[in-house]
Amino acid sequence: MPPRSGPRAASLGAALLVTVLLTGCSNSENPPPDSSLNPPATQNSTPSTSASPEASPEPSPVISYLGKTKIVTLGNTEIRATRNEIGINVACNVTNTADQTRNIKVTVSVGNGKDWVTTNNFDFQQVPAGQTASETAVMGASFEGDLPDDPKIFIDSDISY
């Protein structure tokens, strides 16, 4: 017997269409998330990887020039470097901002930024509170080659004790 296509098949299709339209096209297996379970993040939220309030970033050196002299300042330490005919004249100035006499040791490196670097320790003994101490050294006098006109200066450490 051949299949019948008639009013019964058309009414079944129409009923199916009406059912889909009335119930919607949602997937009942994955309902929309309940927003009360996951409140939105606010600006007051603190990530778990944040630094503690006591942590402070290390100060950055400030670089300036006074003629051919390069000046690097880091906190209470100032380094002035000037190239001359025998090497690089380096002056280290430190200020004791503590309320008592302190010893201050500063380690400075000077180089050309490529293949040469020299290091010097400036050791200041018994610097009174609020006072500045200075010391000068010639660095790079034994370097064989052209000394840089604009040397790279690094304050490696600044220790008060």
N, C-alpha and C. Protein backbone atom coordinates (compact mmCIF):
# COMPACT_ATOMS: atom_id res chain seq x y z
N MET A 1 0.81 -1.15 0.00
CA MET A 1 0.00 0.00 0.00
C MET A 1 0.88 1.25 0.00
N PRO A 2 0.62 2.19 -0.88
CA PRO A 2 1.44 3.40 -0.92
C PRO A 2 1.12 4.30 0.25
N PRO A 3 2.14 5.09 0.73
CA PRO A 3 1.91 6.01 1.85
C PRO A 3 0.97 7.13 1.45
N ARG A 4 0.18 7.54 2.40
CA ARG A 4 -0.78 8.60 2.14
C ARG A 4 -0.22 9.92 2.59
N SER A 5 -0.35 10.91 1.78
CA SER A 5 -0.02 12.25 2.21
C SER A 5 -1.27 13.07 2.05
N GLY A 6 -1.71 13.53 3.11
CA GLY A 6 -2.97 14.22 3.04
C GLY A 6 -3.11 15.16 4.21
N PRO A 7 -4.31 15.43 4.60
CA PRO A 7 -4.55 16.39 5.66
C PRO A 7 -3.95 15.95 6.99
N ARG A 8 -3.86 14.62 7.22
CA ARG A 8 -3.34 14.15 8.49
C ARG A 8 -1.86 14.49 8.62
N ALA A 9 -1.03 14.33 7.62
CA ALA A 9 0.40 14.65 7.65
C ALA A 9 0.60 16.16 7.80
N ALA A 10 -0.19 16.95 7.15
CA ALA A 10 -0.08 18.41 7.24
C ALA A 10 -0.44 18.89 8.62
N SER A 11 -1.44 18.30 9.23
CA SER A 11 -1.84 18.73 10.57
C SER A 11 -0.80 18.30 11.61
N LEU A 12 -0.15 17.16 11.38
CA LEU A 12 0.90 16.71 12.30
C LEU A 12 2.10 17.66 12.23
N GLY A 13 2.48 18.10 11.06
CA GLY A 13 3.59 19.05 10.88
C GLY A 13 3.27 20.39 11.50
N ALA A 14 2.04 20.85 11.34
CA ALA A 14 1.63 22.13 11.90
C ALA A 14 1.63 22.06 13.42
N ALA A 15 1.20 20.92 13.98
CA ALA A 15 1.18 20.75 15.43
C ALA A 15 2.61 20.77 15.99
N LEU A 16 3.52 20.13 15.26
CA LEU A 16 4.92 20.11 15.68
C LEU A 16 5.51 21.52 15.64
N LEU A 17 5.21 22.29 14.62
CA LEU A 17 5.68 23.66 14.49
C LEU A 17 5.15 24.52 15.63
N VAL A 18 3.88 24.38 15.97
CA VAL A 18 3.28 25.16 17.05
C VAL A 18 3.93 24.80 18.37
N THR A 19 4.24 23.53 18.59
CA THR A 19 4.88 23.08 19.84
C THR A 19 6.26 23.72 19.98
N VAL A 20 7.04 23.71 18.92
CA VAL A 20 8.38 24.30 18.96
C VAL A 20 8.29 25.80 19.23
N LEU A 21 7.37 26.47 18.59
CA LEU A 21 7.23 27.91 18.78
C LEU A 21 6.79 28.26 20.19
N LEU A 22 5.91 27.45 20.77
CA LEU A 22 5.42 27.74 22.11
C LEU A 22 6.46 27.43 23.18
N THR A 23 7.22 26.37 23.02
CA THR A 23 8.19 25.99 24.05
C THR A 23 9.54 26.67 23.87
N GLY A 24 9.80 27.19 22.73
CA GLY A 24 11.08 27.86 22.48
C GLY A 24 12.13 26.88 22.01
N CYS A 25 13.28 27.39 21.65
CA CYS A 25 14.37 26.57 21.11
C CYS A 25 15.49 26.45 22.12
N SER A 26 15.20 26.26 23.38
CA SER A 26 16.25 26.14 24.38
C SER A 26 16.61 24.69 24.61
N ASN A 27 17.82 24.52 25.09
CA ASN A 27 18.30 23.18 25.43
C ASN A 27 18.09 23.03 26.92
N SER A 28 17.22 22.18 27.33
CA SER A 28 16.88 22.05 28.74
C SER A 28 17.99 21.41 29.55
N GLU A 29 18.98 20.80 28.90
CA GLU A 29 20.07 20.18 29.65
C GLU A 29 21.05 21.22 30.17
N ASN A 30 21.20 22.38 29.54
CA ASN A 30 22.12 23.43 29.97
C ASN A 30 21.36 24.71 30.25
N PRO A 31 20.74 24.83 31.41
CA PRO A 31 20.01 26.05 31.72
C PRO A 31 20.97 27.22 31.88
N PRO A 32 20.48 28.46 31.74
CA PRO A 32 21.37 29.61 31.91
C PRO A 32 21.93 29.63 33.32
N PRO A 33 23.15 30.11 33.50
CA PRO A 33 23.76 30.11 34.83
C PRO A 33 22.99 31.01 35.78
N ASP A 34 22.98 30.58 37.03
CA ASP A 34 22.31 31.35 38.08
C ASP A 34 23.28 32.44 38.53
N SER A 35 22.97 33.69 38.26
CA SER A 35 23.89 34.78 38.56
C SER A 35 24.07 35.00 40.06
N SER A 36 23.19 34.48 40.90
CA SER A 36 23.35 34.66 42.34
C SER A 36 24.48 33.78 42.88
N LEU A 37 24.87 32.73 42.13
CA LEU A 37 25.96 31.87 42.59
C LEU A 37 27.33 32.49 42.32
N ASN A 38 27.45 33.27 41.27
CA ASN A 38 28.72 33.90 40.92
C ASN A 38 28.50 35.40 40.78
N PRO A 39 28.62 36.17 41.87
CA PRO A 39 28.40 37.60 41.76
C PRO A 39 29.48 38.23 40.89
N PRO A 40 29.13 39.30 40.19
CA PRO A 40 30.13 39.94 39.34
C PRO A 40 31.26 40.54 40.17
N ALA A 41 32.46 40.57 39.56
CA ALA A 41 33.62 41.15 40.25
C ALA A 41 33.44 42.65 40.37
N THR A 42 33.90 43.20 41.49
CA THR A 42 33.81 44.64 41.70
C THR A 42 35.21 45.21 41.77
N GLN A 43 35.31 46.51 41.81
CA GLN A 43 36.62 47.14 41.93
C GLN A 43 37.23 46.89 43.29
N ASN A 44 36.43 46.51 44.26
CA ASN A 44 36.95 46.24 45.59
C ASN A 44 37.52 44.85 45.72
N SER A 45 37.34 44.01 44.71
CA SER A 45 37.88 42.66 44.77
C SER A 45 39.39 42.72 44.71
N THR A 46 40.05 41.90 45.50
CA THR A 46 41.50 41.85 45.54
C THR A 46 41.96 40.50 45.03
N PRO A 47 42.77 40.45 43.98
CA PRO A 47 43.27 39.17 43.51
C PRO A 47 44.17 38.54 44.55
N SER A 48 44.22 37.22 44.54
CA SER A 48 45.00 36.51 45.54
C SER A 48 46.50 36.68 45.34
N THR A 49 46.93 37.16 44.16
CA THR A 49 48.36 37.31 43.90
C THR A 49 48.85 38.72 44.18
N SER A 50 48.03 39.58 44.77
CA SER A 50 48.46 40.95 44.99
C SER A 50 49.52 41.01 46.08
N ALA A 51 50.35 42.05 46.02
CA ALA A 51 51.40 42.23 47.00
C ALA A 51 50.80 42.74 48.30
N SER A 52 51.48 42.48 49.38
CA SER A 52 51.00 42.95 50.67
C SER A 52 51.16 44.47 50.73
N PRO A 53 50.35 45.14 51.55
CA PRO A 53 50.43 46.60 51.63
C PRO A 53 51.79 47.10 52.10
N GLU A 54 52.56 46.28 52.83
CA GLU A 54 53.86 46.70 53.34
C GLU A 54 54.91 46.74 52.25
N ALA A 55 54.73 45.99 51.18
CA ALA A 55 55.73 45.94 50.12
C ALA A 55 55.73 47.26 49.36
N SER A 56 56.93 47.77 49.09
CA SER A 56 57.04 48.99 48.32
C SER A 56 58.02 48.74 47.18
N PRO A 57 57.76 49.35 46.04
CA PRO A 57 58.65 49.13 44.90
C PRO A 57 60.01 49.76 45.16
N GLU A 58 61.04 49.16 44.57
CA GLU A 58 62.38 49.71 44.71
C GLU A 58 62.45 51.01 43.93
N PRO A 59 63.18 51.99 44.47
CA PRO A 59 63.26 53.26 43.75
C PRO A 59 64.05 53.10 42.45
N SER A 60 63.72 53.90 41.49
CA SER A 60 64.42 53.89 40.21
C SER A 60 65.46 55.00 40.20
N PRO A 61 66.60 54.76 39.57
CA PRO A 61 67.61 55.82 39.51
C PRO A 61 67.16 56.96 38.61
N VAL A 62 67.58 58.16 38.95
CA VAL A 62 67.30 59.34 38.15
C VAL A 62 68.61 59.74 37.48
N ILE A 63 68.60 59.86 36.16
CA ILE A 63 69.81 60.19 35.41
C ILE A 63 69.67 61.60 34.85
N SER A 64 70.70 62.40 35.07
CA SER A 64 70.73 63.76 34.52
C SER A 64 72.16 64.08 34.10
N TYR A 65 72.32 65.22 33.46
CA TYR A 65 73.63 65.64 32.98
C TYR A 65 73.91 67.07 33.41
N LEU A 66 75.17 67.32 33.71
CA LEU A 66 75.65 68.66 34.00
C LEU A 66 76.89 68.83 33.12
N GLY A 67 76.70 69.37 31.93
CA GLY A 67 77.79 69.41 30.94
C GLY A 67 78.12 67.99 30.51
N LYS A 68 79.39 67.61 30.63
CA LYS A 68 79.82 66.24 30.28
C LYS A 68 79.74 65.28 31.46
N THR A 69 79.29 65.77 32.60
CA THR A 69 79.18 64.94 33.79
C THR A 69 77.81 64.26 33.82
N LYS A 70 77.84 62.94 33.97
CA LYS A 70 76.60 62.17 34.10
C LYS A 70 76.33 62.00 35.59
N ILE A 71 75.09 62.30 35.98
CA ILE A 71 74.70 62.21 37.39
C ILE A 71 73.61 61.16 37.54
N VAL A 72 73.87 60.20 38.42
CA VAL A 72 72.88 59.16 38.72
C VAL A 72 72.53 59.28 40.20
N THR A 73 71.25 59.48 40.48
CA THR A 73 70.78 59.63 41.85
C THR A 73 69.83 58.49 42.17
N LEU A 74 70.07 57.84 43.30
CA LEU A 74 69.22 56.75 43.77
C LEU A 74 69.02 56.94 45.27
N GLY A 75 67.82 57.37 45.65
CA GLY A 75 67.55 57.64 47.05
C GLY A 75 68.44 58.76 47.55
N ASN A 76 69.25 58.48 48.58
CA ASN A 76 70.13 59.48 49.18
C ASN A 76 71.57 59.39 48.66
N THR A 77 71.75 58.66 47.56
CA THR A 77 73.08 58.49 46.98
C THR A 77 73.13 59.15 45.61
N GLU A 78 74.19 59.92 45.39
CA GLU A 78 74.39 60.57 44.10
C GLU A 78 75.78 60.21 43.58
N ILE A 79 75.84 59.77 42.33
CA ILE A 79 77.10 59.44 41.68
C ILE A 79 77.29 60.41 40.51
N ARG A 80 78.46 61.01 40.41
CA ARG A 80 78.79 61.90 39.30
C ARG A 80 79.99 61.31 38.59
N ALA A 81 79.87 61.09 37.29
CA ALA A 81 80.95 60.48 36.51
C ALA A 81 81.30 61.37 35.33
N THR A 82 82.61 61.67 35.21
CA THR A 82 83.11 62.49 34.12
C THR A 82 84.34 61.84 33.54
N ARG A 83 84.36 61.67 32.24
CA ARG A 83 85.54 61.12 31.57
C ARG A 83 86.61 62.20 31.50
N ASN A 84 87.85 61.80 31.80
CA ASN A 84 88.98 62.72 31.64
C ASN A 84 90.12 61.96 30.95
N GLU A 85 91.29 62.55 30.88
CA GLU A 85 92.37 61.94 30.12
C GLU A 85 92.95 60.67 30.74
N ILE A 86 92.75 60.43 32.02
CA ILE A 86 93.32 59.22 32.64
C ILE A 86 92.28 58.17 33.02
N GLY A 87 91.02 58.47 32.91
CA GLY A 87 89.97 57.51 33.27
C GLY A 87 88.65 58.21 33.45
N ILE A 88 87.81 57.61 34.28
CA ILE A 88 86.51 58.21 34.57
C ILE A 88 86.52 58.63 36.04
N ASN A 89 86.42 59.94 36.25
CA ASN A 89 86.40 60.48 37.60
C ASN A 89 85.00 60.27 38.17
N VAL A 90 84.90 59.53 39.28
CA VAL A 90 83.62 59.19 39.88
C VAL A 90 83.58 59.77 41.29
N ALA A 91 82.59 60.60 41.54
CA ALA A 91 82.37 61.17 42.86
C ALA A 91 81.10 60.54 43.43
N CYS A 92 81.20 60.05 44.67
CA CYS A 92 80.06 59.45 45.36
C CYS A 92 79.69 60.35 46.53
N ASN A 93 78.45 60.79 46.57
CA ASN A 93 77.94 61.63 47.65
C ASN A 93 76.76 60.91 48.30
N VAL A 94 76.81 60.74 49.62
CA VAL A 94 75.71 60.10 50.33
C VAL A 94 75.27 60.99 51.48
N THR A 95 73.98 60.98 51.74
CA THR A 95 73.42 61.75 52.84
C THR A 95 72.83 60.78 53.84
N ASN A 96 73.19 60.96 55.11
CA ASN A 96 72.65 60.14 56.19
C ASN A 96 71.34 60.77 56.65
N THR A 97 70.22 60.17 56.28
CA THR A 97 68.91 60.71 56.66
C THR A 97 68.40 60.10 57.96
N ALA A 98 69.18 59.22 58.56
CA ALA A 98 68.78 58.61 59.83
C ALA A 98 68.96 59.62 60.95
N ASP A 99 68.39 59.31 62.10
CA ASP A 99 68.51 60.23 63.24
C ASP A 99 69.70 59.89 64.13
N GLN A 100 70.62 59.08 63.62
CA GLN A 100 71.83 58.73 64.37
C GLN A 100 73.00 58.55 63.40
N THR A 101 74.20 58.56 63.93
CA THR A 101 75.40 58.38 63.12
C THR A 101 75.39 56.99 62.50
N ARG A 102 75.74 56.90 61.21
CA ARG A 102 75.72 55.61 60.49
C ARG A 102 76.98 55.45 59.67
N ASN A 103 77.33 54.20 59.40
CA ASN A 103 78.33 53.86 58.40
C ASN A 103 77.57 53.56 57.12
N ILE A 104 78.09 54.00 55.99
CA ILE A 104 77.41 53.78 54.72
C ILE A 104 78.41 53.24 53.72
N LYS A 105 78.04 52.14 53.08
CA LYS A 105 78.90 51.53 52.07
C LYS A 105 78.14 51.49 50.75
N VAL A 106 78.74 52.07 49.70
CA VAL A 106 78.13 52.13 48.39
C VAL A 106 79.04 51.43 47.39
N THR A 107 78.48 50.51 46.61
CA THR A 107 79.22 49.83 45.55
C THR A 107 78.73 50.37 44.21
N VAL A 108 79.67 50.85 43.39
CA VAL A 108 79.35 51.47 42.11
C VAL A 108 80.09 50.73 41.00
N SER A 109 79.39 50.47 39.89
CA SER A 109 80.00 49.89 38.70
C SER A 109 79.89 50.89 37.56
N VAL A 110 80.97 50.99 36.78
CA VAL A 110 81.01 51.87 35.62
C VAL A 110 81.50 51.03 34.45
N GLY A 111 80.84 51.18 33.30
CA GLY A 111 81.25 50.42 32.13
C GLY A 111 80.84 51.09 30.85
N ASN A 112 81.09 50.37 29.75
CA ASN A 112 80.74 50.92 28.43
C ASN A 112 79.45 50.30 27.88
N GLY A 113 78.83 49.39 28.62
CA GLY A 113 77.57 48.78 28.18
C GLY A 113 77.76 47.61 27.25
N LYS A 114 79.01 47.24 26.94
CA LYS A 114 79.27 46.14 26.02
C LYS A 114 80.14 45.06 26.67
N ASP A 115 81.43 45.40 26.84
CA ASP A 115 82.37 44.36 27.24
C ASP A 115 83.29 44.78 28.39
N TRP A 116 83.07 45.93 28.95
CA TRP A 116 83.97 46.41 30.00
C TRP A 116 83.18 46.99 31.16
N VAL A 117 83.59 46.62 32.37
CA VAL A 117 82.98 47.18 33.58
C VAL A 117 84.02 47.14 34.70
N THR A 118 84.01 48.15 35.53
CA THR A 118 84.88 48.19 36.70
C THR A 118 84.02 48.57 37.90
N THR A 119 84.39 48.07 39.07
CA THR A 119 83.59 48.28 40.28
C THR A 119 84.46 48.91 41.37
N ASN A 120 83.85 49.76 42.17
CA ASN A 120 84.55 50.39 43.29
C ASN A 120 83.61 50.45 44.49
N ASN A 121 84.19 50.28 45.68
CA ASN A 121 83.43 50.42 46.93
C ASN A 121 83.80 51.74 47.58
N PHE A 122 82.80 52.51 47.94
CA PHE A 122 82.98 53.73 48.70
C PHE A 122 82.48 53.43 50.11
N ASP A 123 83.38 53.58 51.09
CA ASP A 123 83.05 53.21 52.46
C ASP A 123 83.15 54.44 53.35
N PHE A 124 81.99 54.91 53.80
CA PHE A 124 81.93 56.12 54.63
C PHE A 124 81.71 55.69 56.08
N GLN A 125 82.61 56.10 56.95
CA GLN A 125 82.55 55.74 58.37
C GLN A 125 82.01 56.90 59.20
N GLN A 126 81.11 56.58 60.10
CA GLN A 126 80.61 57.53 61.10
C GLN A 126 80.10 58.84 60.48
N VAL A 127 79.13 58.71 59.57
CA VAL A 127 78.52 59.89 58.96
C VAL A 127 77.45 60.39 59.94
N PRO A 128 77.59 61.62 60.45
CA PRO A 128 76.61 62.14 61.41
C PRO A 128 75.21 62.26 60.80
N ALA A 129 74.21 62.22 61.64
CA ALA A 129 72.82 62.35 61.20
C ALA A 129 72.62 63.66 60.45
N GLY A 130 71.97 63.56 59.28
CA GLY A 130 71.67 64.74 58.48
C GLY A 130 72.85 65.27 57.67
N GLN A 131 74.01 64.65 57.74
CA GLN A 131 75.19 65.14 57.03
C GLN A 131 75.43 64.37 55.74
N THR A 132 76.19 64.98 54.83
CA THR A 132 76.56 64.37 53.56
C THR A 132 78.05 64.08 53.56
N ALA A 133 78.41 62.90 53.07
CA ALA A 133 79.81 62.52 52.95
C ALA A 133 80.12 62.32 51.47
N SER A 134 81.37 62.62 51.08
CA SER A 134 81.77 62.51 49.68
C SER A 134 83.12 61.85 49.57
N GLU A 135 83.30 61.14 48.46
CA GLU A 135 84.58 60.52 48.15
C GLU A 135 84.69 60.43 46.64
N THR A 136 85.92 60.59 46.13
CA THR A 136 86.15 60.57 44.70
C THR A 136 87.17 59.49 44.36
N ALA A 137 86.98 58.84 43.22
CA ALA A 137 87.92 57.83 42.73
C ALA A 137 88.00 57.92 41.21
N VAL A 138 89.16 57.55 40.67
CA VAL A 138 89.32 57.45 39.22
C VAL A 138 89.14 55.98 38.88
N MET A 139 88.17 55.70 38.03
CA MET A 139 87.88 54.32 37.64
C MET A 139 88.21 54.14 36.16
N GLY A 140 88.71 52.97 35.81
CA GLY A 140 89.00 52.65 34.42
C GLY A 140 90.34 53.14 33.93
N ALA A 141 91.24 53.56 34.83
CA ALA A 141 92.54 54.07 34.40
C ALA A 141 93.38 53.00 33.73
N SER A 142 93.17 51.73 34.10
CA SER A 142 93.97 50.66 33.50
C SER A 142 93.30 50.02 32.29
N PHE A 143 92.14 50.51 31.89
CA PHE A 143 91.42 49.95 30.74
C PHE A 143 92.17 50.27 29.46
N GLU A 144 92.41 49.25 28.64
CA GLU A 144 93.09 49.44 27.37
C GLU A 144 92.03 49.53 26.28
N GLY A 145 91.84 50.69 25.76
CA GLY A 145 90.82 50.94 24.75
C GLY A 145 90.21 52.30 24.98
N ASP A 146 89.19 52.60 24.21
CA ASP A 146 88.52 53.89 24.34
C ASP A 146 87.51 53.84 25.49
N LEU A 147 87.68 54.74 26.43
CA LEU A 147 86.71 54.87 27.50
C LEU A 147 85.46 55.55 26.94
N PRO A 148 84.29 55.19 27.44
CA PRO A 148 83.06 55.79 26.91
C PRO A 148 82.92 57.25 27.32
N ASP A 149 82.42 58.08 26.39
CA ASP A 149 82.13 59.47 26.71
C ASP A 149 80.94 59.55 27.66
N ASP A 150 79.98 58.64 27.49
CA ASP A 150 78.78 58.58 28.33
C ASP A 150 78.75 57.21 29.01
N PRO A 151 79.50 57.06 30.11
CA PRO A 151 79.61 55.73 30.74
C PRO A 151 78.28 55.26 31.33
N LYS A 152 78.13 53.95 31.38
CA LYS A 152 76.98 53.33 32.05
C LYS A 152 77.34 53.26 33.54
N ILE A 153 76.47 53.77 34.38
CA ILE A 153 76.73 53.83 35.82
C ILE A 153 75.65 53.04 36.55
N PHE A 154 76.09 52.18 37.46
CA PHE A 154 75.16 51.37 38.25
C PHE A 154 75.51 51.51 39.73
N ILE A 155 74.50 51.78 40.54
CA ILE A 155 74.67 51.75 41.98
C ILE A 155 74.27 50.33 42.39
N ASP A 156 75.28 49.48 42.60
CA ASP A 156 75.02 48.07 42.87
C ASP A 156 74.44 47.84 44.26
N SER A 157 74.93 48.59 45.26
CA SER A 157 74.39 48.45 46.60
C SER A 157 74.63 49.74 47.38
N ASP A 158 73.77 49.94 48.35
CA ASP A 158 73.85 51.11 49.22
C ASP A 158 73.41 50.61 50.60
N ILE A 159 74.41 50.37 51.46
CA ILE A 159 74.12 49.74 52.76
C ILE A 159 74.48 50.69 53.89
N SER A 160 73.52 50.90 54.79
CA SER A 160 73.76 51.69 55.99
C SER A 160 73.79 50.75 57.18
N TYR A 161 74.78 50.94 58.05
CA TYR A 161 74.89 50.09 59.24
C TYR A 161 75.45 50.85 60.40
